C-alpha atoms as a PDB file:
ATOM      1  CA  MET A   1     147.143 -47.504-204.073  1.00  0.00           C
ATOM      2  CA  ILE A   2     145.308 -46.189-206.668  1.00  0.00           C
ATOM      3  CA  GLY A   3     141.425 -47.048-206.978  1.00  0.00           C
ATOM      4  CA  ILE A   4     140.610 -48.827-204.096  1.00  0.00           C
ATOM      5  CA  ASP A   5     138.619 -46.222-202.214  1.00  0.00           C
ATOM      6  CA  ALA A   6     134.741 -46.175-201.766  1.00  0.00           C
ATOM      7  CA  GLU A   7     133.918 -45.052-205.074  1.00  0.00           C
ATOM      8  CA  SER A   8     136.193 -48.454-206.694  1.00  0.00           C
ATOM      9  CA  ARG A   9     133.140 -50.446-204.945  1.00  0.00           C
ATOM     10  CA  THR A  10     130.113 -48.695-207.122  1.00  0.00           C
ATOM     11  CA  THR A  11     128.754 -49.862-209.625  1.00  0.00           C
ATOM     12  CA  HIS A  12     126.218 -48.793-211.880  1.00  0.00           C
ATOM     13  CA  ASP A  13     123.514 -49.832-210.634  1.00  0.00           C
ATOM     14  CA  ASP A  14     124.113 -47.450-207.323  1.00  0.00           C
ATOM     15  CA  HIS A  15     122.341 -43.944-207.762  1.00  0.00           C
ATOM     16  CA  LEU A  16     124.507 -41.914-209.603  1.00  0.00           C
ATOM     17  CA  SER A  17     124.280 -39.174-206.626  1.00  0.00           C
ATOM     18  CA  VAL A  18     125.203 -42.054-204.290  1.00  0.00           C
ATOM     19  CA  ARG A  19     128.487 -42.375-207.194  1.00  0.00           C
ATOM     20  CA  LEU A  20     128.917 -38.642-207.258  1.00  0.00           C
ATOM     21  CA  TRP A  21     128.912 -38.205-203.054  1.00  0.00           C
ATOM     22  CA  LEU A  22     131.689 -40.763-203.011  1.00  0.00           C
ATOM     23  CA  ARG A  23     133.957 -39.731-206.377  1.00  0.00           C
ATOM     24  CA  MET A  24     133.886 -35.872-204.599  1.00  0.00           C
ATOM     25  CA  LEU A  25     135.221 -38.452-201.459  1.00  0.00           C
ATOM     26  CA  ALA A  26     137.867 -40.173-203.137  1.00  0.00           C
ATOM     27  CA  CYS A  27     139.070 -37.085-204.944  1.00  0.00           C
ATOM     28  CA  THR A  28     139.281 -35.025-201.524  1.00  0.00           C
ATOM     29  CA  ASN A  29     141.278 -37.591-200.126  1.00  0.00           C
ATOM     30  CA  LEU A  30     143.732 -37.618-202.887  1.00  0.00           C
ATOM     31  CA  VAL A  31     144.130 -34.152-203.019  1.00  0.00           C
ATOM     32  CA  GLU A  32     144.328 -34.065-199.197  1.00  0.00           C
ATOM     33  CA  GLY A  33     146.955 -37.008-198.866  1.00  0.00           C
ATOM     34  CA  ARG A  34     148.868 -35.105-201.865  1.00  0.00           C
ATOM     35  CA  VAL A  35     149.075 -32.456-200.069  1.00  0.00           C
ATOM     36  CA  ALA A  36     149.692 -33.980-196.388  1.00  0.00           C
ATOM     37  CA  GLY A  37     152.803 -35.837-198.309  1.00  0.00           C
ATOM     38  CA  ARG A  38     154.120 -32.669-199.520  1.00  0.00           C
ATOM     39  CA  LEU A  39     153.813 -30.875-196.383  1.00  0.00           C
ATOM     40  CA  ARG A  40     155.702 -33.726-194.467  1.00  0.00           C
ATOM     41  CA  ASP A  41     158.192 -33.858-197.214  1.00  0.00           C
ATOM     42  CA  ALA A  42     159.270 -30.372-197.777  1.00  0.00           C
ATOM     43  CA  PHE A  43     158.559 -28.597-194.629  1.00  0.00           C
ATOM     44  CA  ASP A  44     158.692 -32.187-191.839  1.00  0.00           C
ATOM     45  CA  THR A  45     154.724 -30.720-191.041  1.00  0.00           C
ATOM     46  CA  THR A  46     151.504 -31.420-190.862  1.00  0.00           C
ATOM     47  CA  LEU A  47     148.539 -30.162-192.730  1.00  0.00           C
ATOM     48  CA  PRO A  48     146.863 -29.665-189.066  1.00  0.00           C
ATOM     49  CA  ARG A  49     149.759 -27.293-188.627  1.00  0.00           C
ATOM     50  CA  PHE A  50     149.355 -25.629-191.271  1.00  0.00           C
ATOM     51  CA  ASP A  51     146.010 -25.130-191.289  1.00  0.00           C
ATOM     52  CA  PHE A  52     146.404 -24.084-187.359  1.00  0.00           C
ATOM     53  CA  LEU A  53     149.292 -21.436-188.340  1.00  0.00           C
ATOM     54  CA  SER A  54     146.789 -20.097-191.514  1.00  0.00           C
ATOM     55  CA  GLN A  55     143.917 -19.518-189.385  1.00  0.00           C
ATOM     56  CA  LEU A  56     146.919 -17.337-187.563  1.00  0.00           C
ATOM     57  CA  GLU A  57     148.202 -15.916-190.781  1.00  0.00           C
ATOM     58  CA  ARG A  58     144.828 -14.498-191.551  1.00  0.00           C
ATOM     59  CA  HIS A  59     144.153 -12.980-187.967  1.00  0.00           C
ATOM     60  CA  PRO A  60     147.524 -10.942-187.584  1.00  0.00           C
ATOM     61  CA  GLY A  61     145.843  -9.530-184.032  1.00  0.00           C
ATOM     62  CA  GLY A  62     145.691 -13.604-182.736  1.00  0.00           C
ATOM     63  CA  LEU A  63     142.800 -15.751-182.150  1.00  0.00           C
ATOM     64  CA  ARG A  64     141.561 -17.425-178.659  1.00  0.00           C
ATOM     65  CA  MET A  65     142.351 -21.063-178.901  1.00  0.00           C
ATOM     66  CA  THR A  66     138.829 -21.912-178.678  1.00  0.00           C
ATOM     67  CA  GLU A  67     138.197 -20.236-181.542  1.00  0.00           C
ATOM     68  CA  ILE A  68     140.650 -21.998-183.693  1.00  0.00           C
ATOM     69  CA  SER A  69     139.658 -25.105-182.379  1.00  0.00           C
ATOM     70  CA  GLN A  70     136.198 -23.832-183.904  1.00  0.00           C
ATOM     71  CA  ARG A  71     137.534 -23.120-187.238  1.00  0.00           C
ATOM     72  CA  MET A  72     139.503 -25.967-187.931  1.00  0.00           C
ATOM     73  CA  MET A  73     136.458 -28.256-186.174  1.00  0.00           C
ATOM     74  CA  VAL A  74     138.567 -30.272-184.144  1.00  0.00           C
ATOM     75  CA  THR A  75     138.450 -30.612-180.573  1.00  0.00           C
ATOM     76  CA  GLY A  76     140.839 -28.738-177.843  1.00  0.00           C
ATOM     77  CA  GLY A  77     142.937 -31.065-176.926  1.00  0.00           C
ATOM     78  CA  ASN A  78     143.829 -31.294-180.710  1.00  0.00           C
ATOM     79  CA  ILE A  79     144.169 -27.593-180.868  1.00  0.00           C
ATOM     80  CA  THR A  80     146.060 -26.869-177.254  1.00  0.00           C
ATOM     81  CA  ARG A  81     149.431 -30.220-178.473  1.00  0.00           C
ATOM     82  CA  ILE A  82     149.691 -28.633-182.161  1.00  0.00           C
ATOM     83  CA  ALA A  83     149.608 -24.965-180.027  1.00  0.00           C
ATOM     84  CA  GLU A  84     152.649 -26.684-177.643  1.00  0.00           C
ATOM     85  CA  GLN A  85     154.244 -27.810-180.462  1.00  0.00           C
ATOM     86  CA  LEU A  86     154.264 -24.293-182.261  1.00  0.00           C
ATOM     87  CA  LEU A  87     155.219 -22.611-179.186  1.00  0.00           C
ATOM     88  CA  ASN A  88     157.989 -24.985-178.534  1.00  0.00           C
ATOM     89  CA  GLU A  89     159.989 -24.054-182.517  1.00  0.00           C
ATOM     90  CA  GLY A  90     159.131 -20.587-181.543  1.00  0.00           C
ATOM     91  CA  LEU A  91     156.564 -20.395-184.750  1.00  0.00           C
ATOM     92  CA  ILE A  92     153.684 -18.452-182.356  1.00  0.00           C
ATOM     93  CA  SER A  93     153.062 -16.768-179.494  1.00  0.00           C
ATOM     94  CA  ARG A  94     150.610 -16.974-176.106  1.00  0.00           C
ATOM     95  CA  SER A  95     149.354 -14.603-173.960  1.00  0.00           C
ATOM     96  CA  VAL A  96     146.005 -13.680-171.378  1.00  0.00           C
ATOM     97  CA  ALA A  97     142.770 -12.212-173.104  1.00  0.00           C
ATOM     98  CA  ARG A  98     142.753  -9.019-171.378  1.00  0.00           C
ATOM     99  CA  ASP A  99     139.022  -9.269-171.532  1.00  0.00           C
ATOM    100  CA  ASP A 100     139.423 -12.754-169.940  1.00  0.00           C
ATOM    101  CA  ARG A 101     142.279 -14.124-168.008  1.00  0.00           C
ATOM    102  CA  ARG A 102     141.576 -17.764-168.090  1.00  0.00           C
ATOM    103  CA  ALA A 103     141.685 -17.415-172.143  1.00  0.00           C
ATOM    104  CA  SER A 104     145.318 -17.565-174.315  1.00  0.00           C
ATOM    105  CA  ILE A 105     145.416 -15.227-177.344  1.00  0.00           C
ATOM    106  CA  VAL A 106     147.988 -16.892-180.226  1.00  0.00           C
ATOM    107  CA  ARG A 107     149.715 -15.725-182.769  1.00  0.00           C
ATOM    108  CA  LEU A 108     152.494 -15.412-185.196  1.00  0.00           C
ATOM    109  CA  THR A 109     155.993 -15.060-184.565  1.00  0.00           C
ATOM    110  CA  ALA A 110     158.392 -12.774-186.985  1.00  0.00           C
ATOM    111  CA  SER A 111     159.959 -16.570-187.517  1.00  0.00           C
ATOM    112  CA  GLY A 112     156.323 -18.277-187.849  1.00  0.00           C
ATOM    113  CA  ARG A 113     155.308 -15.600-190.140  1.00  0.00           C
ATOM    114  CA  ARG A 114     157.865 -16.478-192.461  1.00  0.00           C
ATOM    115  CA  ALA A 115     157.992 -19.853-192.198  1.00  0.00           C
ATOM    116  CA  PHE A 116     154.184 -19.795-193.051  1.00  0.00           C
ATOM    117  CA  GLY A 117     154.783 -17.505-195.965  1.00  0.00           C
ATOM    118  CA  GLU A 118     157.060 -20.561-197.784  1.00  0.00           C
ATOM    119  CA  MET A 119     154.742 -23.292-197.067  1.00  0.00           C
ATOM    120  CA  ALA A 120     151.568 -21.349-198.319  1.00  0.00           C
ATOM    121  CA  ARG A 121     153.606 -20.549-201.187  1.00  0.00           C
ATOM    122  CA  ARG A 122     154.679 -23.874-201.728  1.00  0.00           C
ATOM    123  CA  HIS A 123     151.245 -25.343-200.983  1.00  0.00           C
ATOM    124  CA  GLU A 124     149.629 -22.926-203.849  1.00  0.00           C
ATOM    125  CA  GLY A 125     151.638 -24.124-206.211  1.00  0.00           C
ATOM    126  CA  TRP A 126     150.948 -27.875-205.400  1.00  0.00           C
ATOM    127  CA  ILE A 127     146.386 -26.955-205.714  1.00  0.00           C
ATOM    128  CA  VAL A 128     147.504 -25.200-208.976  1.00  0.00           C
ATOM    129  CA  GLU A 129     149.346 -27.961-210.198  1.00  0.00           C
ATOM    130  CA  THR A 130     146.601 -30.958-208.948  1.00  0.00           C
ATOM    131  CA  PHE A 131     143.907 -29.056-211.240  1.00  0.00           C
ATOM    132  CA  ALA A 132     146.188 -28.694-214.026  1.00  0.00           C
ATOM    133  CA  GLY A 133     144.035 -31.628-215.486  1.00  0.00           C
ATOM    134  CA  LEU A 134     141.401 -29.061-215.781  1.00  0.00           C
ATOM    135  CA  SER A 135     141.168 -26.287-218.688  1.00  0.00           C
ATOM    136  CA  GLU A 136     140.592 -23.221-216.755  1.00  0.00           C
ATOM    137  CA  ALA A 137     136.751 -23.162-218.190  1.00  0.00           C
ATOM    138  CA  GLU A 138     136.519 -26.688-217.010  1.00  0.00           C
ATOM    139  CA  ARG A 139     137.878 -25.134-212.971  1.00  0.00           C
ATOM    140  CA  THR A 140     135.687 -22.515-213.159  1.00  0.00           C
ATOM    141  CA  GLN A 141     132.736 -24.626-213.902  1.00  0.00           C
ATOM    142  CA  LEU A 142     133.501 -27.331-211.588  1.00  0.00           C
ATOM    143  CA  PHE A 143     134.236 -24.036-208.999  1.00  0.00           C
ATOM    144  CA  ARG A 144     130.648 -22.824-209.741  1.00  0.00           C
ATOM    145  CA  LEU A 145     128.736 -26.337-209.878  1.00  0.00           C
ATOM    146  CA  LEU A 146     130.539 -27.171-206.106  1.00  0.00           C
ATOM    147  CA  ALA A 147     129.338 -23.489-205.411  1.00  0.00           C
ATOM    148  CA  LYS A 148     125.301 -24.333-206.230  1.00  0.00           C
ATOM    149  CA  LEU A 149     125.553 -27.816-204.178  1.00  0.00           C
ATOM    150  CA  LYS A 150     126.590 -26.030-201.313  1.00  0.00           C
ATOM    151  CA  ARG A 151     124.174 -22.847-201.386  1.00  0.00           C
ATOM    152  CA  HIS A 152     121.486 -25.690-201.698  1.00  0.00           C
ATOM    153  CA  LEU A 153     123.009 -27.643-198.613  1.00  0.00           C
ATOM    154  CA  ASN A 154     123.654 -24.788-196.508  1.00  0.00           C
ATOM    155  CA  ALA A 155     119.695 -23.414-197.776  1.00  0.00           C
ATOM    156  CA  VAL A 156     118.608 -27.758-196.668  1.00  0.00           C
ATOM    157  CA  GLU A 157     120.621 -27.390-193.452  1.00  0.00           C
ATOM    158  CA  SER A 158     118.842 -23.739-192.437  1.00  0.00           C
ATOM    159  CA  ALA A 159     115.301 -25.717-192.772  1.00  0.00           C
ATOM    160  CA  GLU A 160     115.665 -28.255-190.950  1.00  0.00           C
END
């Protein structure tokens, strides 16, 4: 259902900053929904599982479950459920941390690297396709403007 989001309920009387925030949120939700649907259809997987595998792909030596939870900004319980599924499918392995026997280190298996590699290639294509409605100059401008906003938000956060 296109147009049924918080932005659709705004009027010209609403502050431009509020309308901008809601527009960014609407676009984020549209892109995320599109990617999530394609991951489900093409690979029978979810966006959180893709993100989990992505974290491990960036850290071939493995990560502690707490590190993955922090990087993905989700609870440990959610990470544990995803890890159990991926373990059962042979996409990751788990071992005890050398410095803390209570902690687990998880890594991609060879099968997990191959599966994630294919997902990542397709994901990149979907993202490129998603932004194809903007010219390269427009994408660059949007990237720079969002970087400026991010710097401002980080500065405000640091000052508080």
